[in-house]
Amino acid sequence: MNVSPKARALPQTEFIALMAMVSATVAFSIDAMLPALPEMAAALSPDDFNRVQLIITSFILGLGVGTFFTGPLSDAFGRKPVMVGGTIIYMLGSAAAWQAQTLEVMLAARVLQGLGAAGPRVVAMALIRDLYAGPQMARILSFVMIIFTLVPAIAPTMGHYIVTAFDWHAIFVACILFSFITTTWLLIRQPETLRPENRRPLSGGALWRALIEMFTHPTARLSILIQTLTFAMLYSILSSTQPIFDLTYGQGDNFHLWFGGIAVVASSSGFLNARLVVRLGMRAIIKAMYTAQIFMTLLLIAVLVTGTPDHIAFPVYVLWVLSNFFQAGLSIGNLNALGMEEMGHMAGLAASVLTSVATVGGVLIAVPIALLFDGTPLPAAIGSLVLASIALWLTTQIKRPGET
């Protein structure tokens, strides 16, 4: 199946661009913060820099919790109403963060922001699943990821210049504007894809049954577990990457440029996946990515423990961060497609369960790893080695349809 005859779609190019920008609300809300962390730490947590990393993970926690509910809501009321409701909550959280005077208020506001951002995140996934399935869905997700990963390329630079021109508070004004633009675009151009007769009444029991069904289904269960480990690697790296560039390698002033360059190169993973996924299959690509990630992580650990000079260690660290993002670009879309492939009868519920469990689980694993930051990349590297090794083993357990 390619396009559902029951739902009129936008031209594919515009649809991909719209879904990418809707999804990019999350990336912008994280990556635009990174250059501002030193100023936010000085204002909100001057006695403990490590605590300011919670500004990143608190948003992701709210995102994961909100995702658990926005899927069922989108199945009950339609995709677009949930998008609008999420945007309103997101804007309220952004406004509260804009005015925050303490770290505690900031973290609460960021959780609220994350809860609201769950609306756009789930709407994008459910809209894609409404219209596409199987390898074609994986291909569409690959193109979405190409644009999605370009947002992290420009968001840190935008954040850098916003902080330079104004201060860190103004970043939250930019969040409000970004969300307003993408939501207006969706409201004007994207038709509702969930017909009234296909809507499911909102039910806690239905959500529980969906949770049981996905964890009973071997492929869906493994997809959730592997994504949890993948997100944990990403979140722990995101939380510590700015201080490592700044405090460890003295590249704080150029951090936004380095991070943008990494994001641009990593975005090529989407092009590569779109070309290879139909020919090689989703599982083979996922296995290759985790194998490569283990190799790169072992290389970084070897460089760090042998006391290699910074002029060698820094390029290796940059390549390692790039490899993590590249791996995510080639694995997350395929894992989503695998996990959702047989869940078309409950696309919104399935999207909620998959992304919510993986996101919250990833945060719970990533926070202690990030808080172990000791001025070097070593804690994050050791954590990633363990997580990537487990993910590779779990990937070998995914069976083809019909296998036992």
Protein backbone atom coordinates (compact mmCIF):
# COMPACT_ATOMS: atom_id res chain seq x y z
CA MET A 1 0.00 0.00 0.00
CA ASN A 2 1.27 3.46 -0.85
CA VAL A 3 -1.35 6.15 -0.39
CA SER A 4 -4.65 5.50 1.30
CA PRO A 5 -7.60 6.22 -1.02
CA LYS A 6 -9.59 7.41 1.99
CA ALA A 7 -7.46 10.46 2.70
CA ARG A 8 -6.49 13.16 0.24
CA ALA A 9 -2.79 13.99 0.52
CA LEU A 10 -0.80 17.08 -0.29
CA PRO A 11 1.76 16.91 -3.11
CA GLN A 12 4.43 14.62 -1.72
CA THR A 13 7.20 17.23 -1.69
CA GLU A 14 5.12 19.70 0.31
CA PHE A 15 3.87 16.92 2.59
CA ILE A 16 7.42 15.84 3.41
CA ALA A 17 8.48 19.43 4.06
CA LEU A 18 5.47 20.09 6.29
CA MET A 19 5.91 16.90 8.31
CA ALA A 20 9.60 17.65 8.76
CA MET A 21 8.92 21.18 10.02
CA VAL A 22 6.14 20.00 12.34
CA SER A 23 8.48 17.35 13.75
CA ALA A 24 11.31 19.89 13.96
CA THR A 25 9.49 21.74 16.75
CA VAL A 26 11.17 19.23 19.03
CA ALA A 27 14.64 19.66 17.53
CA PHE A 28 14.40 23.45 17.63
CA SER A 29 13.28 23.37 21.27
CA ILE A 30 16.37 21.36 22.20
CA ASP A 31 19.14 22.55 19.90
CA ALA A 32 18.46 26.29 20.09
CA MET A 33 19.00 25.96 23.86
CA LEU A 34 22.49 24.51 23.62
CA PRO A 35 24.49 27.74 23.01
CA ALA A 36 22.56 29.42 25.83
CA LEU A 37 23.38 26.84 28.50
CA PRO A 38 26.37 28.74 29.97
CA GLU A 39 24.30 31.92 30.38
CA MET A 40 21.35 29.95 31.74
CA ALA A 41 23.65 28.14 34.18
CA ALA A 42 25.07 31.47 35.41
CA ALA A 43 21.57 32.85 35.94
CA LEU A 44 19.72 29.78 37.24
CA SER A 45 22.31 27.34 38.66
CA PRO A 46 25.58 29.17 39.32
CA ASP A 47 26.77 26.67 41.95
CA ASP A 48 26.30 23.48 39.90
CA PHE A 49 26.75 23.63 36.12
CA ASN A 50 25.78 19.98 35.66
CA ARG A 51 22.22 20.70 36.85
CA VAL A 52 21.59 23.00 33.90
CA GLN A 53 21.72 19.93 31.65
CA LEU A 54 18.29 19.10 33.10
CA ILE A 55 16.89 21.94 30.97
CA ILE A 56 17.37 19.59 28.02
CA THR A 57 16.14 16.36 29.58
CA SER A 58 13.15 17.94 31.39
CA PHE A 59 11.76 19.00 28.01
CA ILE A 60 12.29 15.49 26.65
CA LEU A 61 10.60 13.99 29.73
CA GLY A 62 7.50 16.14 29.17
CA LEU A 63 7.60 15.19 25.50
CA GLY A 64 7.63 11.49 26.31
CA VAL A 65 4.80 11.69 28.85
CA GLY A 66 2.68 13.84 26.53
CA THR A 67 3.22 11.48 23.62
CA PHE A 68 1.52 8.71 25.56
CA PHE A 69 -1.77 10.65 25.48
CA THR A 70 -1.66 12.58 22.22
CA GLY A 71 -1.91 9.44 20.08
CA PRO A 72 -5.22 8.31 21.62
CA LEU A 73 -6.47 11.89 21.50
CA SER A 74 -5.61 12.10 17.79
CA ASP A 75 -7.44 8.81 17.16
CA ALA A 76 -10.51 10.14 18.97
CA PHE A 77 -10.69 13.75 17.77
CA GLY A 78 -8.57 13.82 14.62
CA ARG A 79 -4.98 14.78 13.87
CA LYS A 80 -5.34 18.54 13.42
CA PRO A 81 -7.25 19.36 16.66
CA VAL A 82 -4.53 17.60 18.66
CA MET A 83 -1.89 19.59 16.81
CA VAL A 84 -3.61 22.86 17.73
CA GLY A 85 -4.11 21.87 21.36
CA GLY A 86 -0.49 20.81 21.69
CA THR A 87 0.66 24.09 20.17
CA ILE A 88 -1.32 26.11 22.72
CA ILE A 89 0.24 24.16 25.61
CA TYR A 90 3.68 24.49 24.02
CA MET A 91 3.32 28.25 23.72
CA LEU A 92 2.20 28.54 27.35
CA GLY A 93 5.25 26.55 28.44
CA SER A 94 7.48 28.74 26.27
CA ALA A 95 6.04 31.88 27.82
CA ALA A 96 6.60 30.49 31.33
CA ALA A 97 10.21 29.59 30.49
CA TRP A 98 10.72 33.07 29.04
CA GLN A 99 9.85 34.57 32.42
CA ALA A 100 11.53 31.95 34.65
CA GLN A 101 13.72 33.31 37.43
CA THR A 102 14.75 30.02 39.08
CA LEU A 103 15.91 26.66 37.77
CA GLU A 104 12.91 24.92 39.36
CA VAL A 105 10.44 27.16 37.49
CA MET A 106 12.45 26.71 34.30
CA LEU A 107 12.34 22.91 34.58
CA ALA A 108 8.58 22.95 35.21
CA ALA A 109 8.09 25.22 32.19
CA ARG A 110 10.24 22.95 30.04
CA VAL A 111 8.18 19.92 31.06
CA LEU A 112 5.05 21.86 30.02
CA GLN A 113 6.74 22.78 26.74
CA GLY A 114 7.50 19.12 26.14
CA LEU A 115 3.93 18.09 26.90
CA GLY A 116 2.72 20.51 24.24
CA ALA A 117 5.37 19.51 21.69
CA ALA A 118 4.06 15.95 21.91
CA GLY A 119 1.07 17.07 19.83
CA PRO A 120 3.08 17.98 16.71
CA ARG A 121 5.37 14.98 17.20
CA VAL A 122 2.55 12.41 17.21
CA VAL A 123 0.47 14.19 14.58
CA ALA A 124 3.38 13.99 12.13
CA MET A 125 3.92 10.27 12.71
CA ALA A 126 0.19 9.45 12.58
CA LEU A 127 -0.36 11.49 9.41
CA ILE A 128 2.48 9.64 7.69
CA ARG A 129 1.12 6.26 8.84
CA ASP A 130 -2.39 7.24 7.68
CA LEU A 131 -1.09 7.70 4.16
CA TYR A 132 1.89 5.32 3.79
CA ALA A 133 3.04 1.88 4.97
CA GLY A 134 5.97 -0.52 4.76
CA PRO A 135 9.13 0.39 2.80
CA GLN A 136 7.34 3.40 1.27
CA MET A 137 6.67 4.71 4.78
CA ALA A 138 10.33 4.16 5.64
CA ARG A 139 11.29 6.07 2.50
CA ILE A 140 9.02 9.00 3.39
CA LEU A 141 10.41 9.00 6.94
CA SER A 142 13.93 9.10 5.49
CA PHE A 143 13.16 12.25 3.51
CA VAL A 144 11.46 13.77 6.56
CA MET A 145 14.59 13.03 8.56
CA ILE A 146 16.74 14.81 5.95
CA ILE A 147 14.93 18.10 6.56
CA PHE A 148 14.45 17.34 10.24
CA THR A 149 18.20 17.01 10.76
CA LEU A 150 18.87 20.32 9.02
CA VAL A 151 17.03 22.13 11.83
CA PRO A 152 19.73 21.15 14.36
CA ALA A 153 22.23 22.54 11.85
CA ILE A 154 20.78 26.05 12.02
CA ALA A 155 19.08 26.08 15.45
CA PRO A 156 22.32 26.41 17.50
CA THR A 157 23.49 29.25 15.26
CA MET A 158 20.12 30.94 15.64
CA GLY A 159 20.32 30.43 19.39
CA HIS A 160 23.86 31.82 19.45
CA TYR A 161 22.89 35.03 17.67
CA ILE A 162 19.67 35.41 19.65
CA VAL A 163 21.67 35.21 22.90
CA THR A 164 24.28 37.59 21.51
CA ALA A 165 21.72 40.15 20.34
CA PHE A 166 19.34 39.84 23.30
CA ASP A 167 19.74 37.20 26.02
CA TRP A 168 18.70 33.62 26.66
CA HIS A 169 15.09 34.62 27.43
CA ALA A 170 14.54 35.59 23.78
CA ILE A 171 15.06 32.00 22.61
CA PHE A 172 11.66 31.13 24.03
CA VAL A 173 10.07 33.91 22.01
CA ALA A 174 11.61 32.27 18.93
CA CYS A 175 10.07 28.95 20.01
CA ILE A 176 6.63 30.56 20.07
CA LEU A 177 7.10 32.02 16.59
CA PHE A 178 8.40 28.74 15.14
CA SER A 179 5.45 26.78 16.49
CA PHE A 180 2.94 29.38 15.31
CA ILE A 181 4.28 29.28 11.74
CA THR A 182 4.30 25.48 11.40
CA THR A 183 0.85 25.10 12.93
CA THR A 184 -0.63 27.76 10.66
CA TRP A 185 0.87 25.99 7.64
CA LEU A 186 -0.67 22.66 8.70
CA LEU A 187 -4.08 24.19 9.38
CA ILE A 188 -4.23 25.92 6.01
CA ARG A 189 -2.76 23.26 3.73
CA GLN A 190 -3.02 19.76 5.22
CA PRO A 191 -6.42 18.01 5.03
CA GLU A 192 -7.52 15.92 7.98
CA THR A 193 -6.49 12.31 7.30
CA LEU A 194 -8.64 10.54 9.90
CA ARG A 195 -12.22 10.22 8.70
CA PRO A 196 -14.98 10.49 11.36
CA GLU A 197 -16.06 6.86 10.89
CA ASN A 198 -12.51 5.69 11.63
CA ARG A 199 -12.15 7.57 14.90
CA ARG A 200 -11.85 5.62 18.13
CA PRO A 201 -13.56 6.73 21.35
CA LEU A 202 -11.10 7.92 23.96
CA SER A 203 -10.56 5.04 26.36
CA GLY A 204 -8.01 4.20 29.00
CA GLY A 205 -8.75 0.57 28.35
CA ALA A 206 -7.94 0.96 24.67
CA LEU A 207 -4.61 2.56 25.53
CA TRP A 208 -3.81 -0.27 27.90
CA ARG A 209 -4.75 -2.87 25.27
CA ALA A 210 -2.57 -1.12 22.72
CA LEU A 211 0.32 -1.15 25.17
CA ILE A 212 -0.18 -4.88 25.74
CA GLU A 213 -0.51 -5.59 22.02
CA MET A 214 2.69 -3.75 21.11
CA PHE A 215 4.71 -5.39 23.87
CA THR A 216 3.25 -8.78 22.93
CA HIS A 217 4.16 -8.35 19.27
CA PRO A 218 7.86 -9.35 19.02
CA THR A 219 8.88 -6.84 16.33
CA ALA A 220 7.05 -3.91 17.92
CA ARG A 221 8.46 -4.78 21.36
CA LEU A 222 12.02 -4.99 20.09
CA SER A 223 11.61 -1.76 18.13
CA ILE A 224 10.55 0.03 21.32
CA LEU A 225 13.45 -1.37 23.34
CA ILE A 226 16.05 -0.59 20.68
CA GLN A 227 14.72 2.93 20.21
CA THR A 228 14.88 3.45 23.97
CA LEU A 229 18.60 2.65 23.93
CA THR A 230 19.16 4.81 20.85
CA PHE A 231 17.40 7.80 22.42
CA ALA A 232 19.39 7.30 25.62
CA MET A 233 22.62 7.60 23.62
CA LEU A 234 21.41 10.73 21.86
CA TYR A 235 20.09 12.46 25.00
CA SER A 236 23.21 11.81 27.04
CA ILE A 237 25.36 13.22 24.23
CA LEU A 238 23.10 16.24 23.69
CA SER A 239 23.15 17.05 27.40
CA SER A 240 26.94 17.13 27.64
CA THR A 241 28.09 18.18 24.17
CA GLN A 242 28.11 21.95 24.77
CA PRO A 243 30.17 21.77 27.99
CA ILE A 244 32.57 19.30 26.36
CA PHE A 245 33.14 21.62 23.40
CA ASP A 246 33.48 24.58 25.75
CA LEU A 247 35.13 23.39 28.97
CA THR A 248 37.07 20.38 27.67
CA TYR A 249 38.29 21.55 24.28
CA GLY A 250 37.93 25.36 24.48
CA GLN A 251 35.57 25.58 21.49
CA GLY A 252 32.66 27.31 23.22
CA ASP A 253 32.64 30.34 20.92
CA ASN A 254 32.54 28.10 17.85
CA PHE A 255 30.21 25.47 19.26
CA HIS A 256 27.23 26.51 17.14
CA LEU A 257 29.36 26.18 13.98
CA TRP A 258 30.73 22.77 14.92
CA PHE A 259 27.28 21.49 15.88
CA GLY A 260 25.74 22.88 12.71
CA GLY A 261 28.39 21.20 10.58
CA ILE A 262 27.81 17.90 12.34
CA ALA A 263 24.06 18.18 11.72
CA VAL A 264 24.52 18.98 8.02
CA VAL A 265 26.75 15.96 7.46
CA ALA A 266 24.47 13.73 9.53
CA SER A 267 21.49 14.77 7.41
CA SER A 268 22.98 12.82 4.52
CA SER A 269 22.01 9.65 6.39
CA GLY A 270 18.42 10.23 5.26
CA PHE A 271 19.42 10.31 1.60
CA LEU A 272 21.47 7.16 2.08
CA ASN A 273 18.67 5.33 3.85
CA ALA A 274 16.12 6.32 1.19
CA ARG A 275 18.39 4.78 -1.46
CA LEU A 276 19.27 1.61 0.46
CA VAL A 277 16.24 0.65 2.53
CA VAL A 278 14.21 -1.00 -0.26
CA ARG A 279 17.27 -2.87 -1.59
CA LEU A 280 18.93 -3.98 1.67
CA GLY A 281 16.05 -4.02 4.12
CA MET A 282 15.53 -2.20 7.38
CA ARG A 283 17.09 -4.79 9.68
CA ALA A 284 20.39 -5.01 7.80
CA ILE A 285 20.83 -1.24 7.91
CA ILE A 286 20.07 -1.06 11.62
CA LYS A 287 22.60 -3.83 12.42
CA ALA A 288 25.30 -2.13 10.35
CA MET A 289 24.76 1.17 12.15
CA TYR A 290 25.09 -0.25 15.65
CA THR A 291 28.17 -2.22 14.64
CA ALA A 292 29.79 0.95 13.30
CA GLN A 293 28.76 2.86 16.45
CA ILE A 294 30.45 0.30 18.70
CA PHE A 295 33.66 0.58 16.67
CA MET A 296 33.66 4.40 16.83
CA THR A 297 32.97 4.39 20.56
CA LEU A 298 35.82 1.95 21.24
CA LEU A 299 38.10 4.24 19.24
CA LEU A 300 37.10 7.29 21.30
CA ILE A 301 37.54 5.43 24.60
CA ALA A 302 41.00 4.27 23.52
CA VAL A 303 41.99 7.84 22.65
CA LEU A 304 40.71 9.17 25.98
CA VAL A 305 42.25 6.55 28.28
CA THR A 306 45.67 6.73 26.62
CA GLY A 307 45.95 10.49 27.21
CA THR A 308 46.09 11.42 23.52
CA PRO A 309 46.73 15.16 23.03
CA ASP A 310 43.68 17.37 22.47
CA HIS A 311 44.59 18.20 18.88
CA ILE A 312 43.98 14.51 18.11
CA ALA A 313 41.32 13.74 20.72
CA PHE A 314 39.05 16.61 19.68
CA PRO A 315 38.64 15.52 16.02
CA VAL A 316 37.97 11.97 17.20
CA TYR A 317 35.30 13.26 19.59
CA VAL A 318 33.69 15.30 16.79
CA LEU A 319 33.63 12.22 14.53
CA TRP A 320 32.10 10.21 17.36
CA VAL A 321 29.28 12.72 17.89
CA LEU A 322 28.73 12.75 14.12
CA SER A 323 28.59 8.95 14.04
CA ASN A 324 25.91 8.96 16.75
CA PHE A 325 23.71 11.36 14.81
CA PHE A 326 24.38 9.50 11.55
CA GLN A 327 23.48 6.21 13.18
CA ALA A 328 20.23 7.71 14.52
CA GLY A 329 19.33 9.00 11.06
CA LEU A 330 19.72 5.52 9.59
CA SER A 331 18.09 3.57 12.41
CA ILE A 332 15.24 5.52 14.02
CA GLY A 333 13.09 5.86 10.89
CA ASN A 334 13.57 2.17 10.11
CA LEU A 335 12.77 1.17 13.68
CA ASN A 336 9.61 3.27 13.55
CA ALA A 337 8.58 1.64 10.30
CA LEU A 338 9.24 -1.84 11.70
CA GLY A 339 7.36 -1.12 14.90
CA MET A 340 4.37 0.44 13.12
CA GLU A 341 4.20 -1.94 10.14
CA GLU A 342 1.45 -4.17 11.53
CA MET A 343 -0.22 -1.47 13.63
CA GLY A 344 -2.18 0.34 10.91
CA HIS A 345 -5.44 -0.52 12.71
CA MET A 346 -4.40 1.73 15.61
CA ALA A 347 -1.82 4.09 14.13
CA GLY A 348 -2.28 6.89 16.67
CA LEU A 349 -2.22 4.57 19.67
CA ALA A 350 0.78 2.69 18.32
CA ALA A 351 2.68 5.92 17.64
CA SER A 352 1.97 7.05 21.20
CA VAL A 353 3.11 3.83 22.82
CA LEU A 354 6.23 3.47 20.70
CA THR A 355 7.50 7.03 20.99
CA SER A 356 6.38 7.64 24.57
CA VAL A 357 7.94 4.54 26.08
CA ALA A 358 11.15 4.98 24.07
CA THR A 359 11.43 8.68 24.95
CA VAL A 360 10.74 8.38 28.67
CA GLY A 361 12.94 5.30 28.92
CA GLY A 362 15.70 7.08 27.02
CA VAL A 363 15.55 10.05 29.42
CA LEU A 364 15.64 7.83 32.50
CA ILE A 365 18.79 6.14 31.19
CA ALA A 366 20.41 9.32 29.86
CA VAL A 367 20.06 11.58 32.93
CA PRO A 368 22.40 9.61 35.22
CA ILE A 369 24.91 9.22 32.39
CA ALA A 370 24.87 12.96 31.67
CA LEU A 371 25.19 13.87 35.36
CA LEU A 372 28.40 11.81 35.52
CA PHE A 373 30.06 14.45 33.32
CA ASP A 374 33.56 14.95 34.72
CA GLY A 375 34.98 17.39 32.20
CA THR A 376 35.71 14.68 29.61
CA PRO A 377 33.62 12.67 27.10
CA LEU A 378 34.55 9.39 28.83
CA PRO A 379 31.33 8.83 30.87
CA ALA A 380 29.16 9.42 27.81
CA ALA A 381 31.38 7.17 25.69
CA ILE A 382 31.28 4.28 28.16
CA GLY A 383 27.50 4.64 28.48
CA SER A 384 27.11 4.63 24.69
CA LEU A 385 29.28 1.53 24.32
CA VAL A 386 27.05 -0.43 26.70
CA LEU A 387 23.83 0.87 25.10
CA ALA A 388 24.96 0.27 21.50
CA SER A 389 26.11 -3.27 22.34
CA ILE A 390 22.73 -4.16 23.84
CA ALA A 391 20.92 -2.52 20.90
CA LEU A 392 22.94 -4.57 18.40
CA TRP A 393 22.11 -7.80 20.22
CA LEU A 394 18.40 -6.94 20.34
CA THR A 395 18.45 -6.12 16.63
CA THR A 396 19.65 -9.66 15.86
CA GLN A 397 16.49 -10.93 17.59
CA ILE A 398 14.12 -9.21 15.13
CA LYS A 399 12.67 -11.91 12.90
CA ARG A 400 11.35 -11.62 9.37
CA PRO A 401 7.60 -12.18 8.93
CA GLY A 402 6.98 -15.92 9.18
CA GLU A 403 10.18 -16.69 11.08
CA THR A 404 10.00 -18.24 14.53
